[in-house]
Amino acid sequence: MEITDIRIKKVSTGGKLKAYVTVTFDDCFVVHNLKIISGKAGTFIAMPSRKTKTGEYKDIAHPINSEFRHRIQNEIIGEYDKVQDEIESVEEDDSFDSDGVESDHQQE
């Protein structure tokens, strides 16, 4: 099973939750609402879950072995890091205004 698409929607709440993720497998199966979490031991993904009547959270969909879980996590975190780098490079580039349009000011 191959991951054919990863879509990341950043969250700007300032908490541990950094983004929501949608993952497509083999161009034919989609899983929504994975979460990218910043924890004490580093960044990790949480599977989509729902709260039960007892207040406990249960995964709705999840890998059944640790090898595939690591593979999914590595690909998602890699894509998240790439998106983060792209955002930072745009913010650092002062030749473009906030809309990404080249500004009229001249560089010395």
PDB file of N, CA and C in Angstrom:
ATOM      1  N   MET A   1       0.849  -1.171   0.000  1.00  0.00           N
ATOM      2  CA  MET A   1       0.000   0.000   0.000  1.00  0.00           C
ATOM      3  C   MET A   1       0.897   1.238   0.000  1.00  0.00           C
ATOM      4  N   GLU A   2       0.662   2.095  -0.970  1.00  0.00           N
ATOM      5  CA  GLU A   2       1.472   3.307  -1.108  1.00  0.00           C
ATOM      6  C   GLU A   2       0.681   4.540  -0.710  1.00  0.00           C
ATOM      7  N   ILE A   3       1.359   5.486  -0.076  1.00  0.00           N
ATOM      8  CA  ILE A   3       0.765   6.785   0.202  1.00  0.00           C
ATOM      9  C   ILE A   3       0.922   7.608  -1.063  1.00  0.00           C
ATOM     10  N   THR A   4      -0.200   8.010  -1.652  1.00  0.00           N
ATOM     11  CA  THR A   4      -0.146   8.734  -2.918  1.00  0.00           C
ATOM     12  C   THR A   4      -0.423  10.225  -2.768  1.00  0.00           C
ATOM     13  N   ASP A   5      -0.912  10.649  -1.604  1.00  0.00           N
ATOM     14  CA  ASP A   5      -1.129  12.082  -1.387  1.00  0.00           C
ATOM     15  C   ASP A   5      -1.195  12.361   0.106  1.00  0.00           C
ATOM     16  N   ILE A   6      -0.586  13.469   0.502  1.00  0.00           N
ATOM     17  CA  ILE A   6      -0.648  13.943   1.882  1.00  0.00           C
ATOM     18  C   ILE A   6      -1.016  15.413   1.824  1.00  0.00           C
ATOM     19  N   ARG A   7      -2.104  15.771   2.492  1.00  0.00           N
ATOM     20  CA  ARG A   7      -2.536  17.174   2.554  1.00  0.00           C
ATOM     21  C   ARG A   7      -2.512  17.623   4.004  1.00  0.00           C
ATOM     22  N   ILE A   8      -1.842  18.738   4.238  1.00  0.00           N
ATOM     23  CA  ILE A   8      -1.653  19.240   5.591  1.00  0.00           C
ATOM     24  C   ILE A   8      -2.356  20.580   5.748  1.00  0.00           C
ATOM     25  N   LYS A   9      -3.159  20.690   6.801  1.00  0.00           N
ATOM     26  CA  LYS A   9      -3.821  21.952   7.125  1.00  0.00           C
ATOM     27  C   LYS A   9      -3.320  22.393   8.495  1.00  0.00           C
ATOM     28  N   LYS A  10      -2.470  23.425   8.488  1.00  0.00           N
ATOM     29  CA  LYS A  10      -1.873  23.903   9.736  1.00  0.00           C
ATOM     30  C   LYS A  10      -2.925  24.492  10.661  1.00  0.00           C
ATOM     31  N   VAL A  11      -2.665  24.369  11.955  1.00  0.00           N
ATOM     32  CA  VAL A  11      -3.517  24.928  12.995  1.00  0.00           C
ATOM     33  C   VAL A  11      -2.691  25.969  13.740  1.00  0.00           C
ATOM     34  N   SER A  12      -3.248  27.146  13.935  1.00  0.00           N
ATOM     35  CA  SER A  12      -2.476  28.215  14.583  1.00  0.00           C
ATOM     36  C   SER A  12      -3.007  28.550  15.967  1.00  0.00           C
ATOM     37  N   THR A  13      -3.313  27.521  16.748  1.00  0.00           N
ATOM     38  CA  THR A  13      -3.831  27.735  18.095  1.00  0.00           C
ATOM     39  C   THR A  13      -2.725  27.958  19.116  1.00  0.00           C
ATOM     40  N   GLY A  14      -1.507  27.636  18.745  1.00  0.00           N
ATOM     41  CA  GLY A  14      -0.394  27.804  19.667  1.00  0.00           C
ATOM     42  C   GLY A  14      -0.228  26.662  20.651  1.00  0.00           C
ATOM     43  N   GLY A  15      -1.052  25.643  20.575  1.00  0.00           N
ATOM     44  CA  GLY A  15      -0.956  24.498  21.479  1.00  0.00           C
ATOM     45  C   GLY A  15      -0.115  23.379  20.893  1.00  0.00           C
ATOM     46  N   LYS A  16      -0.314  22.189  21.421  1.00  0.00           N
ATOM     47  CA  LYS A  16       0.443  21.021  20.963  1.00  0.00           C
ATOM     48  C   LYS A  16       0.001  20.534  19.589  1.00  0.00           C
ATOM     49  N   LEU A  17      -1.283  20.748  19.254  1.00  0.00           N
ATOM     50  CA  LEU A  17      -1.793  20.355  17.946  1.00  0.00           C
ATOM     51  C   LEU A  17      -1.243  21.312  16.895  1.00  0.00           C
ATOM     52  N   LYS A  18      -0.519  20.778  15.921  1.00  0.00           N
ATOM     53  CA  LYS A  18       0.125  21.606  14.902  1.00  0.00           C
ATOM     54  C   LYS A  18      -0.599  21.600  13.565  1.00  0.00           C
ATOM     55  N   ALA A  19      -1.254  20.476  13.228  1.00  0.00           N
ATOM     56  CA  ALA A  19      -1.913  20.398  11.922  1.00  0.00           C
ATOM     57  C   ALA A  19      -2.835  19.188  11.869  1.00  0.00           C
ATOM     58  N   TYR A  20      -3.802  19.275  10.948  1.00  0.00           N
ATOM     59  CA  TYR A  20      -4.630  18.131  10.579  1.00  0.00           C
ATOM     60  C   TYR A  20      -4.124  17.624   9.241  1.00  0.00           C
ATOM     61  N   VAL A  21      -4.234  16.320   9.030  1.00  0.00           N
ATOM     62  CA  VAL A  21      -3.688  15.702   7.830  1.00  0.00           C
ATOM     63  C   VAL A  21      -4.735  14.794   7.187  1.00  0.00           C
ATOM     64  N   THR A  22      -4.744  14.814   5.853  1.00  0.00           N
ATOM     65  CA  THR A  22      -5.531  13.868   5.069  1.00  0.00           C
ATOM     66  C   THR A  22      -4.544  13.060   4.247  1.00  0.00           C
ATOM     67  N   VAL A  23      -4.667  11.737   4.320  1.00  0.00           N
ATOM     68  CA  VAL A  23      -3.752  10.845   3.611  1.00  0.00           C
ATOM     69  C   VAL A  23      -4.543   9.989   2.624  1.00  0.00           C
ATOM     70  N   THR A  24      -4.035   9.922   1.388  1.00  0.00           N
ATOM     71  CA  THR A  24      -4.642   9.063   0.367  1.00  0.00           C
ATOM     72  C   THR A  24      -3.719   7.875   0.119  1.00  0.00           C
ATOM     73  N   PHE A  25      -4.311   6.693   0.072  1.00  0.00           N
ATOM     74  CA  PHE A  25      -3.567   5.461  -0.179  1.00  0.00           C
ATOM     75  C   PHE A  25      -3.954   4.920  -1.551  1.00  0.00           C
ATOM     76  N   ASP A  26      -2.951   4.589  -2.346  1.00  0.00           N
ATOM     77  CA  ASP A  26      -3.142   3.967  -3.667  1.00  0.00           C
ATOM     78  C   ASP A  26      -4.157   4.699  -4.547  1.00  0.00           C
ATOM     79  N   ASP A  27      -4.238   6.011  -4.402  1.00  0.00           N
ATOM     80  CA  ASP A  27      -5.176   6.831  -5.176  1.00  0.00           C
ATOM     81  C   ASP A  27      -6.619   6.334  -5.089  1.00  0.00           C
ATOM     82  N   CYS A  28      -6.958   5.579  -4.002  1.00  0.00           N
ATOM     83  CA  CYS A  28      -8.325   5.051  -3.945  1.00  0.00           C
ATOM     84  C   CYS A  28      -8.925   4.983  -2.551  1.00  0.00           C
ATOM     85  N   PHE A  29      -8.157   5.348  -1.509  1.00  0.00           N
ATOM     86  CA  PHE A  29      -8.700   5.293  -0.149  1.00  0.00           C
ATOM     87  C   PHE A  29      -8.147   6.471   0.633  1.00  0.00           C
ATOM     88  N   VAL A  30      -9.045   7.244   1.270  1.00  0.00           N
ATOM     89  CA  VAL A  30      -8.644   8.460   1.979  1.00  0.00           C
ATOM     90  C   VAL A  30      -8.946   8.329   3.461  1.00  0.00           C
ATOM     91  N   VAL A  31      -8.020   8.792   4.295  1.00  0.00           N
ATOM     92  CA  VAL A  31      -8.235   8.877   5.737  1.00  0.00           C
ATOM     93  C   VAL A  31      -8.050  10.337   6.133  1.00  0.00           C
ATOM     94  N   HIS A  32      -9.101  10.913   6.727  1.00  0.00           N
ATOM     95  CA  HIS A  32      -9.084  12.308   7.163  1.00  0.00           C
ATOM     96  C   HIS A  32      -8.796  12.394   8.663  1.00  0.00           C
ATOM     97  N   ASN A  33      -8.405  13.579   9.078  1.00  0.00           N
ATOM     98  CA  ASN A  33      -8.291  13.958  10.490  1.00  0.00           C
ATOM     99  C   ASN A  33      -7.210  13.248  11.289  1.00  0.00           C
ATOM    100  N   LEU A  34      -6.102  12.859  10.642  1.00  0.00           N
ATOM    101  CA  LEU A  34      -4.938  12.505  11.410  1.00  0.00           C
ATOM    102  C   LEU A  34      -4.426  13.822  11.987  1.00  0.00           C
ATOM    103  N   LYS A  35      -3.732  13.773  13.105  1.00  0.00           N
ATOM    104  CA  LYS A  35      -3.252  15.000  13.733  1.00  0.00           C
ATOM    105  C   LYS A  35      -1.737  14.952  13.878  1.00  0.00           C
ATOM    106  N   ILE A  36      -1.104  16.094  13.676  1.00  0.00           N
ATOM    107  CA  ILE A  36       0.320  16.232  13.975  1.00  0.00           C
ATOM    108  C   ILE A  36       0.407  16.928  15.327  1.00  0.00           C
ATOM    109  N   ILE A  37       1.063  16.265  16.274  1.00  0.00           N
ATOM    110  CA  ILE A  37       1.151  16.733  17.647  1.00  0.00           C
ATOM    111  C   ILE A  37       2.620  16.963  18.005  1.00  0.00           C
ATOM    112  N   SER A  38       2.875  18.056  18.698  1.00  0.00           N
ATOM    113  CA  SER A  38       4.218  18.324  19.208  1.00  0.00           C
ATOM    114  C   SER A  38       4.242  17.893  20.672  1.00  0.00           C
ATOM    115  N   GLY A  39       4.988  16.825  20.955  1.00  0.00           N
ATOM    116  CA  GLY A  39       5.044  16.286  22.313  1.00  0.00           C
ATOM    117  C   GLY A  39       6.416  16.441  22.929  1.00  0.00           C
ATOM    118  N   LYS A  40       6.561  15.991  24.153  1.00  0.00           N
ATOM    119  CA  LYS A  40       7.830  16.085  24.880  1.00  0.00           C
ATOM    120  C   LYS A  40       8.947  15.310  24.183  1.00  0.00           C
ATOM    121  N   ALA A  41       8.594  14.174  23.583  1.00  0.00           N
ATOM    122  CA  ALA A  41       9.590  13.332  22.912  1.00  0.00           C
ATOM    123  C   ALA A  41       9.732  13.665  21.433  1.00  0.00           C
ATOM    124  N   GLY A  42       9.067  14.727  20.965  1.00  0.00           N
ATOM    125  CA  GLY A  42       9.152  15.114  19.564  1.00  0.00           C
ATOM    126  C   GLY A  42       7.790  15.159  18.901  1.00  0.00           C
ATOM    127  N   THR A  43       7.809  15.370  17.608  1.00  0.00           N
ATOM    128  CA  THR A  43       6.576  15.468  16.839  1.00  0.00           C
ATOM    129  C   THR A  43       6.113  14.063  16.448  1.00  0.00           C
ATOM    130  N   PHE A  44       4.797  13.825  16.565  1.00  0.00           N
ATOM    131  CA  PHE A  44       4.251  12.525  16.197  1.00  0.00           C
ATOM    132  C   PHE A  44       2.863  12.715  15.604  1.00  0.00           C
ATOM    133  N   ILE A  45       2.321  11.648  15.039  1.00  0.00           N
ATOM    134  CA  ILE A  45       0.967  11.710  14.492  1.00  0.00           C
ATOM    135  C   ILE A  45       0.016  10.935  15.397  1.00  0.00           C
ATOM    136  N   ALA A  46      -1.233  11.404  15.436  1.00  0.00           N
ATOM    137  CA  ALA A  46      -2.302  10.701  16.136  1.00  0.00           C
ATOM    138  C   ALA A  46      -3.349  10.324  15.104  1.00  0.00           C
ATOM    139  N   MET A  47      -3.844   9.127  15.209  1.00  0.00           N
ATOM    140  CA  MET A  47      -4.843   8.634  14.272  1.00  0.00           C
ATOM    141  C   MET A  47      -6.194   9.293  14.549  1.00  0.00           C
ATOM    142  N   PRO A  48      -7.082   9.310  13.552  1.00  0.00           N
ATOM    143  CA  PRO A  48      -8.415   9.875  13.785  1.00  0.00           C
ATOM    144  C   PRO A  48      -9.123   9.062  14.873  1.00  0.00           C
ATOM    145  N   SER A  49      -9.826   9.754  15.759  1.00  0.00           N
ATOM    146  CA  SER A  49     -10.472   9.065  16.874  1.00  0.00           C
ATOM    147  C   SER A  49     -11.811   9.712  17.201  1.00  0.00           C
ATOM    148  N   ARG A  50     -12.553   9.034  18.056  1.00  0.00           N
ATOM    149  CA  ARG A  50     -13.818   9.581  18.548  1.00  0.00           C
ATOM    150  C   ARG A  50     -13.900   9.311  20.043  1.00  0.00           C
ATOM    151  N   LYS A  51     -14.645  10.150  20.715  1.00  0.00           N
ATOM    152  CA  LYS A  51     -14.807  10.015  22.154  1.00  0.00           C
ATOM    153  C   LYS A  51     -15.965   9.060  22.442  1.00  0.00           C
ATOM    154  N   THR A  52     -15.729   8.089  23.315  1.00  0.00           N
ATOM    155  CA  THR A  52     -16.769   7.129  23.681  1.00  0.00           C
ATOM    156  C   THR A  52     -17.635   7.707  24.806  1.00  0.00           C
ATOM    157  N   LYS A  53     -18.690   7.002  25.143  1.00  0.00           N
ATOM    158  CA  LYS A  53     -19.579   7.440  26.222  1.00  0.00           C
ATOM    159  C   LYS A  53     -18.859   7.520  27.567  1.00  0.00           C
ATOM    160  N   THR A  54     -17.795   6.731  27.708  1.00  0.00           N
ATOM    161  CA  THR A  54     -17.042   6.739  28.974  1.00  0.00           C
ATOM    162  C   THR A  54     -15.994   7.846  29.021  1.00  0.00           C
ATOM    163  N   GLY A  55     -15.885   8.632  27.939  1.00  0.00           N
ATOM    164  CA  GLY A  55     -14.916   9.723  27.903  1.00  0.00           C
ATOM    165  C   GLY A  55     -13.565   9.324  27.358  1.00  0.00           C
ATOM    166  N   GLU A  56     -13.427   8.076  26.986  1.00  0.00           N
ATOM    167  CA  GLU A  56     -12.177   7.554  26.445  1.00  0.00           C
ATOM    168  C   GLU A  56     -12.158   7.782  24.927  1.00  0.00           C
ATOM    169  N   TYR A  57     -10.969   7.988  24.353  1.00  0.00           N
ATOM    170  CA  TYR A  57     -10.840   8.168  22.908  1.00  0.00           C
ATOM    171  C   TYR A  57     -10.421   6.845  22.263  1.00  0.00           C
ATOM    172  N   LYS A  58     -11.106   6.486  21.186  1.00  0.00           N
ATOM    173  CA  LYS A  58     -10.796   5.266  20.437  1.00  0.00           C
ATOM    174  C   LYS A  58     -10.468   5.636  19.006  1.00  0.00           C
ATOM    175  N   ASP A  59      -9.387   5.038  18.465  1.00  0.00           N
ATOM    176  CA  ASP A  59      -9.028   5.273  17.067  1.00  0.00           C
ATOM    177  C   ASP A  59     -10.123   4.731  16.147  1.00  0.00           C
ATOM    178  N   ILE A  60     -10.429   5.510  15.118  1.00  0.00           N
ATOM    179  CA  ILE A  60     -11.402   5.081  14.115  1.00  0.00           C
ATOM    180  C   ILE A  60     -10.706   4.222  13.062  1.00  0.00           C
ATOM    181  N   ALA A  61      -9.511   4.645  12.670  1.00  0.00           N
ATOM    182  CA  ALA A  61      -8.699   3.909  11.702  1.00  0.00           C
ATOM    183  C   ALA A  61      -7.258   3.956  12.195  1.00  0.00           C
ATOM    184  N   HIS A  62      -6.551   2.861  12.038  1.00  0.00           N
ATOM    185  CA  HIS A  62      -5.155   2.827  12.494  1.00  0.00           C
ATOM    186  C   HIS A  62      -4.413   1.662  11.851  1.00  0.00           C
ATOM    187  N   PRO A  63      -3.082   1.797  11.739  1.00  0.00           N
ATOM    188  CA  PRO A  63      -2.273   0.679  11.224  1.00  0.00           C
ATOM    189  C   PRO A  63      -2.323  -0.481  12.216  1.00  0.00           C
ATOM    190  N   ILE A  64      -2.194  -1.697  11.717  1.00  0.00           N
ATOM    191  CA  ILE A  64      -2.230  -2.848  12.621  1.00  0.00           C
ATOM    192  C   ILE A  64      -0.842  -3.366  12.978  1.00  0.00           C
ATOM    193  N   ASN A  65       0.198  -2.753  12.407  1.00  0.00           N
ATOM    194  CA  ASN A  65       1.545  -3.135  12.834  1.00  0.00           C
ATOM    195  C   ASN A  65       2.430  -1.889  12.942  1.00  0.00           C
ATOM    196  N   SER A  66       3.456  -1.998  13.763  1.00  0.00           N
ATOM    197  CA  SER A  66       4.301  -0.830  14.045  1.00  0.00           C
ATOM    198  C   SER A  66       5.122  -0.401  12.827  1.00  0.00           C
ATOM    199  N   GLU A  67       5.472  -1.341  11.960  1.00  0.00           N
ATOM    200  CA  GLU A  67       6.246  -0.997  10.763  1.00  0.00           C
ATOM    201  C   GLU A  67       5.466  -0.005   9.882  1.00  0.00           C
ATOM    202  N   PHE A  68       4.184  -0.307   9.642  1.00  0.00           N
ATOM    203  CA  PHE A  68       3.389   0.587   8.797  1.00  0.00           C
ATOM    204  C   PHE A  68       3.094   1.903   9.514  1.00  0.00           C
ATOM    205  N   ARG A  69       2.895   1.863  10.823  1.00  0.00           N
ATOM    206  CA  ARG A  69       2.690   3.093  11.590  1.00  0.00           C
ATOM    207  C   ARG A  69       3.910   4.005  11.458  1.00  0.00           C
ATOM    208  N   HIS A  70       5.106   3.457  11.590  1.00  0.00           N
ATOM    209  CA  HIS A  70       6.336   4.249  11.447  1.00  0.00           C
ATOM    210  C   HIS A  70       6.463   4.811  10.037  1.00  0.00           C
ATOM    211  N   ARG A  71       6.115   4.017   9.055  1.00  0.00           N
ATOM    212  CA  ARG A  71       6.192   4.479   7.662  1.00  0.00           C
ATOM    213  C   ARG A  71       5.247   5.654   7.426  1.00  0.00           C
ATOM    214  N   ILE A  72       4.007   5.532   7.888  1.00  0.00           N
ATOM    215  CA  ILE A  72       3.046   6.634   7.744  1.00  0.00           C
ATOM    216  C   ILE A  72       3.552   7.868   8.477  1.00  0.00           C
ATOM    217  N   GLN A  73       3.980   7.672   9.718  1.00  0.00           N
ATOM    218  CA  GLN A  73       4.444   8.804  10.517  1.00  0.00           C
ATOM    219  C   GLN A  73       5.635   9.494   9.859  1.00  0.00           C
ATOM    220  N   ASN A  74       6.605   8.736   9.390  1.00  0.00           N
ATOM    221  CA  ASN A  74       7.795   9.323   8.767  1.00  0.00           C
ATOM    222  C   ASN A  74       7.438  10.129   7.520  1.00  0.00           C
ATOM    223  N   GLU A  75       6.534   9.602   6.698  1.00  0.00           N
ATOM    224  CA  GLU A  75       6.146  10.330   5.481  1.00  0.00           C
ATOM    225  C   GLU A  75       5.362  11.595   5.809  1.00  0.00           C
ATOM    226  N   ILE A  76       4.458  11.526   6.778  1.00  0.00           N
ATOM    227  CA  ILE A  76       3.666  12.700   7.146  1.00  0.00           C
ATOM    228  C   ILE A  76       4.543  13.758   7.798  1.00  0.00           C
ATOM    229  N   ILE A  77       5.379  13.364   8.737  1.00  0.00           N
ATOM    230  CA  ILE A  77       6.259  14.335   9.412  1.00  0.00           C
ATOM    231  C   ILE A  77       7.239  14.929   8.402  1.00  0.00           C
ATOM    232  N   GLY A  78       7.722  14.133   7.469  1.00  0.00           N
ATOM    233  CA  GLY A  78       8.602  14.648   6.416  1.00  0.00           C
ATOM    234  C   GLY A  78       7.912  15.704   5.579  1.00  0.00           C
ATOM    235  N   GLU A  79       6.668  15.458   5.210  1.00  0.00           N
ATOM    236  CA  GLU A  79       5.898  16.430   4.428  1.00  0.00           C
ATOM    237  C   GLU A  79       5.605  17.679   5.262  1.00  0.00           C
ATOM    238  N   TYR A  80       5.292  17.496   6.528  1.00  0.00           N
ATOM    239  CA  TYR A  80       5.036  18.628   7.431  1.00  0.00           C
ATOM    240  C   TYR A  80       6.295  19.500   7.547  1.00  0.00           C
ATOM    241  N   ASP A  81       7.460  18.867   7.727  1.00  0.00           N
ATOM    242  CA  ASP A  81       8.720  19.618   7.813  1.00  0.00           C
ATOM    243  C   ASP A  81       8.983  20.385   6.521  1.00  0.00           C
ATOM    244  N   LYS A  82       8.690  19.769   5.388  1.00  0.00           N
ATOM    245  CA  LYS A  82       8.875  20.421   4.092  1.00  0.00           C
ATOM    246  C   LYS A  82       7.973  21.651   3.974  1.00  0.00           C
ATOM    247  N   VAL A  83       6.725  21.512   4.382  1.00  0.00           N
ATOM    248  CA  VAL A  83       5.786  22.643   4.352  1.00  0.00           C
ATOM    249  C   VAL A  83       6.266  23.742   5.295  1.00  0.00           C
ATOM    250  N   GLN A  84       6.748  23.368   6.474  1.00  0.00           N
ATOM    251  CA  GLN A  84       7.269  24.340   7.433  1.00  0.00           C
ATOM    252  C   GLN A  84       8.441  25.108   6.829  1.00  0.00           C
ATOM    253  N   ASP A  85       9.352  24.413   6.174  1.00  0.00           N
ATOM    254  CA  ASP A  85      10.521  25.052   5.549  1.00  0.00           C
ATOM    255  C   ASP A  85      10.084  26.021   4.456  1.00  0.00           C
ATOM    256  N   GLU A  86       9.073  25.623   3.665  1.00  0.00           N
ATOM    257  CA  GLU A  86       8.580  26.506   2.603  1.00  0.00           C
ATOM    258  C   GLU A  86       7.959  27.769   3.185  1.00  0.00           C
ATOM    259  N   ILE A  87       7.208  27.635   4.259  1.00  0.00           N
ATOM    260  CA  ILE A  87       6.582  28.791   4.904  1.00  0.00           C
ATOM    261  C   ILE A  87       7.649  29.724   5.452  1.00  0.00           C
ATOM    262  N   GLU A  88       8.659  29.167   6.123  1.00  0.00           N
ATOM    263  CA  GLU A  88       9.723  29.986   6.692  1.00  0.00           C
ATOM    264  C   GLU A  88      10.517  30.699   5.615  1.00  0.00           C
ATOM    265  N   SER A  89      10.763  30.042   4.474  1.00  0.00           N
ATOM    266  CA  SER A  89      11.542  30.684   3.416  1.00  0.00           C
ATOM    267  C   SER A  89      10.759  31.826   2.785  1.00  0.00           C
ATOM    268  N   VAL A  90       9.439  31.698   2.686  1.00  0.00           N
ATOM    269  CA  VAL A  90       8.614  32.780   2.154  1.00  0.00           C
ATOM    270  C   VAL A  90       8.609  33.948   3.128  1.00  0.00           C
ATOM    271  N   GLU A  91       8.511  33.660   4.429  1.00  0.00           N
ATOM    272  CA  GLU A  91       8.503  34.721   5.432  1.00  0.00           C
ATOM    273  C   GLU A  91       9.828  35.467   5.469  1.00  0.00           C
ATOM    274  N   GLU A  92      10.931  34.775   5.210  1.00  0.00           N
ATOM    275  CA  GLU A  92      12.251  35.395   5.252  1.00  0.00           C
ATOM    276  C   GLU A  92      12.575  36.175   3.984  1.00  0.00           C
ATOM    277  N   ASP A  93      11.890  35.897   2.894  1.00  0.00           N
ATOM    278  CA  ASP A  93      12.170  36.551   1.619  1.00  0.00           C
ATOM    279  C   ASP A  93      11.506  37.921   1.600  1.00  0.00           C
ATOM    280  N   ASP A  94      12.292  38.974   1.803  1.00  0.00           N
ATOM    281  CA  ASP A  94      11.717  40.321   1.892  1.00  0.00           C
ATOM    282  C   ASP A  94      11.503  40.971   0.539  1.00  0.00           C
ATOM    283  N   SER A  95      11.761  40.258  -0.552  1.00  0.00           N
ATOM    284  CA  SER A  95      11.505  40.828  -1.864  1.00  0.00           C
ATOM    285  C   SER A  95      10.058  40.592  -2.301  1.00  0.00           C
ATOM    286  N   PHE A  96       9.290  39.900  -1.450  1.00  0.00           N
ATOM    287  CA  PHE A  96       7.886  39.649  -1.733  1.00  0.00           C
ATOM    288  C   PHE A  96       7.045  40.196  -0.588  1.00  0.00           C
ATOM    289  N   ASP A  97       5.868  40.731  -0.926  1.00  0.00           N
ATOM    290  CA  ASP A  97       4.988  41.215   0.127  1.00  0.00           C
ATOM    291  C   ASP A  97       4.200  40.051   0.713  1.00  0.00           C
ATOM    292  N   SER A  98       3.267  40.332   1.602  1.00  0.00           N
ATOM    293  CA  SER A  98       2.556  39.267   2.313  1.00  0.00           C
ATOM    294  C   SER A  98       1.693  38.403   1.411  1.00  0.00           C
ATOM    295  N   ASP A  99       1.380  38.868   0.201  1.00  0.00           N
ATOM    296  CA  ASP A  99       0.591  38.068  -0.734  1.00  0.00           C
ATOM    297  C   ASP A  99       1.461  37.221  -1.653  1.00  0.00           C
ATOM    298  N   GLY A 100       2.790  37.266  -1.469  1.00  0.00           N
ATOM    299  CA  GLY A 100       3.686  36.504  -2.318  1.00  0.00           C
ATOM    300  C   GLY A 100       3.941  37.184  -3.646  1.00  0.00           C
ATOM    301  N   VAL A 101       3.563  38.463  -3.768  1.00  0.00           N
ATOM    302  CA  VAL A 101       3.755  39.219  -4.998  1.00  0.00           C
ATOM    303  C   VAL A 101       5.020  40.052  -4.838  1.00  0.00           C
ATOM    304  N   GLU A 102       5.820  40.075  -5.903  1.00  0.00           N
ATOM    305  CA  GLU A 102       7.075  40.817  -5.814  1.00  0.00           C
ATOM    306  C   GLU A 102       6.772  42.288  -5.521  1.00  0.00           C
ATOM    307  N   SER A 103       7.477  42.842  -4.532  1.00  0.00           N
ATOM    308  CA  SER A 103       7.229  44.227  -4.143  1.00  0.00           C
ATOM    309  C   SER A 103       7.997  45.179  -5.021  1.00  0.00           C
ATOM    310  N   ASP A 104       7.607  46.453  -4.963  1.00  0.00           N
ATOM    311  CA  ASP A 104       8.208  47.485  -5.818  1.00  0.00           C
ATOM    312  C   ASP A 104       9.464  48.098  -5.243  1.00  0.00           C
ATOM    313  N   HIS A 105       9.764  47.829  -3.958  1.00  0.00           N
ATOM    314  CA  HIS A 105      10.938  48.475  -3.373  1.00  0.00           C
ATOM    315  C   HIS A 105      12.219  47.913  -3.987  1.00  0.00           C
ATOM    316  N   GLN A 106      13.212  48.782  -4.125  1.00  0.00           N
ATOM    317  CA  GLN A 106      14.470  48.377  -4.744  1.00  0.00           C
ATOM    318  C   GLN A 106      15.441  47.896  -3.684  1.00  0.00           C
ATOM    319  N   GLN A 107      16.181  46.875  -4.023  1.00  0.00           N
ATOM    320  CA  GLN A 107      17.187  46.376  -3.102  1.00  0.00           C
ATOM    321  C   GLN A 107      18.491  47.123  -3.364  1.00  0.00           C
ATOM    322  N   GLU A 108      19.217  47.419  -2.276  1.00  0.00           N
ATOM    323  CA  GLU A 108      20.489  48.135  -2.416  1.00  0.00           C
ATOM    324  C   GLU A 108      21.645  47.181  -2.513  1.00  0.00           C
TER     325      GLU A 108
END
